[in-house]
Amino acid sequence: MNYCSCIRKGGRDHQMKSEILKVQGMSCMHCKASVEGTLLQIEGVEEADADLDRAEVTVTFDEDMVELEDIKAEIEDIGYDVLNGE
């Protein structure tokens, strides 16, 4: 877990958190685009980058707006398996 930056929204500072998730089942550019697009639609997610070669998704989000478990659930809802524990 990394805290990567602090941004100001709505008159207050928000600590952005960056997590790398192991995601099984991504095999093509369509998979990459699907995962990234789904995550970027979540309020509080600032960045999403899927790496097919490593089977990882790096996601940067505001913990005050969205929980990591909700992000994982969204990935699983579109048919991929998140291998990280918790």
Protein backbone atom coordinates (compact mmCIF):
# COMPACT_ATOMS: atom_id res chain seq x y z
CA MET A 1 0.00 0.00 0.00
CA ASN A 2 1.33 3.41 -0.93
CA TYR A 3 0.06 6.86 -0.22
CA CYS A 4 1.03 8.69 -3.34
CA SER A 5 -0.26 12.23 -3.26
CA CYS A 6 -2.43 14.69 -1.53
CA ILE A 7 -4.98 16.62 -3.57
CA ARG A 8 -7.45 19.32 -2.62
CA LYS A 9 -11.10 18.73 -3.47
CA GLY A 10 -14.11 20.55 -2.12
CA GLY A 11 -12.02 22.71 0.21
CA ARG A 12 -10.19 19.85 1.93
CA ASP A 13 -7.18 17.66 1.31
CA HIS A 14 -7.65 14.07 0.20
CA GLN A 15 -4.96 11.45 0.63
CA MET A 16 -4.76 9.31 -2.47
CA LYS A 17 -3.83 5.66 -1.97
CA SER A 18 -2.23 3.44 -4.60
CA GLU A 19 -2.64 -0.35 -4.57
CA ILE A 20 -1.40 -3.08 -6.88
CA LEU A 21 -3.91 -5.90 -7.30
CA LYS A 22 -3.14 -9.29 -8.81
CA VAL A 23 -5.92 -10.00 -11.31
CA GLN A 24 -6.35 -13.35 -13.03
CA GLY A 25 -8.05 -13.71 -16.39
CA MET A 26 -6.90 -10.63 -18.30
CA SER A 27 -5.48 -11.80 -21.62
CA CYS A 28 -5.95 -9.09 -24.24
CA MET A 29 -6.30 -5.36 -24.83
CA HIS A 30 -10.07 -5.66 -24.53
CA CYS A 31 -9.62 -7.10 -21.01
CA LYS A 32 -7.26 -4.25 -20.13
CA ALA A 33 -9.69 -1.63 -21.41
CA SER A 34 -12.63 -3.29 -19.67
CA VAL A 35 -10.94 -3.38 -16.27
CA GLU A 36 -9.56 0.14 -16.53
CA GLY A 37 -12.84 1.56 -17.83
CA THR A 38 -14.85 -0.11 -15.08
CA LEU A 39 -12.56 1.20 -12.36
CA LEU A 40 -12.44 4.72 -13.73
CA GLN A 41 -16.24 4.90 -13.51
CA ILE A 42 -16.09 4.45 -9.72
CA GLU A 43 -16.36 7.71 -7.82
CA GLY A 44 -13.10 8.20 -5.97
CA VAL A 45 -10.89 6.26 -8.39
CA GLU A 46 -8.35 8.65 -9.86
CA GLU A 47 -6.22 6.27 -11.99
CA ALA A 48 -6.31 2.64 -13.14
CA ASP A 49 -3.61 0.87 -15.13
CA ALA A 50 -3.85 -2.82 -16.05
CA ASP A 51 -0.62 -4.64 -16.94
CA LEU A 52 -1.36 -7.79 -18.92
CA ASP A 53 2.17 -9.22 -18.69
CA ARG A 54 2.23 -9.01 -14.90
CA ALA A 55 -1.49 -9.76 -14.42
CA GLU A 56 -1.71 -6.67 -12.21
CA VAL A 57 -3.88 -3.60 -11.91
CA THR A 58 -2.52 -0.49 -10.25
CA VAL A 59 -5.34 1.66 -8.92
CA THR A 60 -5.10 5.07 -7.27
CA PHE A 61 -8.10 6.11 -5.23
CA ASP A 62 -9.42 8.33 -2.46
CA GLU A 63 -10.02 6.20 0.65
CA ASP A 64 -12.58 8.73 1.87
CA MET A 65 -14.74 8.00 -1.17
CA VAL A 66 -14.26 4.31 -1.99
CA GLU A 67 -12.95 1.25 -0.17
CA LEU A 68 -10.50 -1.23 -1.64
CA GLU A 69 -12.99 -4.07 -1.16
CA ASP A 70 -15.48 -2.22 -3.38
CA ILE A 71 -12.84 -1.85 -6.09
CA LYS A 72 -12.05 -5.57 -5.92
CA ALA A 73 -15.76 -6.39 -6.10
CA GLU A 74 -16.17 -4.32 -9.27
CA ILE A 75 -13.32 -6.22 -10.94
CA GLU A 76 -14.87 -9.54 -9.93
CA ASP A 77 -18.32 -8.41 -11.12
CA ILE A 78 -16.99 -8.13 -14.69
CA GLY A 79 -15.56 -11.65 -14.60
CA TYR A 80 -11.98 -11.45 -13.33
CA ASP A 81 -10.48 -12.92 -10.16
CA VAL A 82 -8.65 -10.69 -7.71
CA LEU A 83 -5.99 -12.81 -6.04
CA ASN A 84 -4.91 -10.41 -3.29
CA GLY A 85 -5.96 -11.45 0.18
CA GLU A 86 -7.75 -9.36 2.82
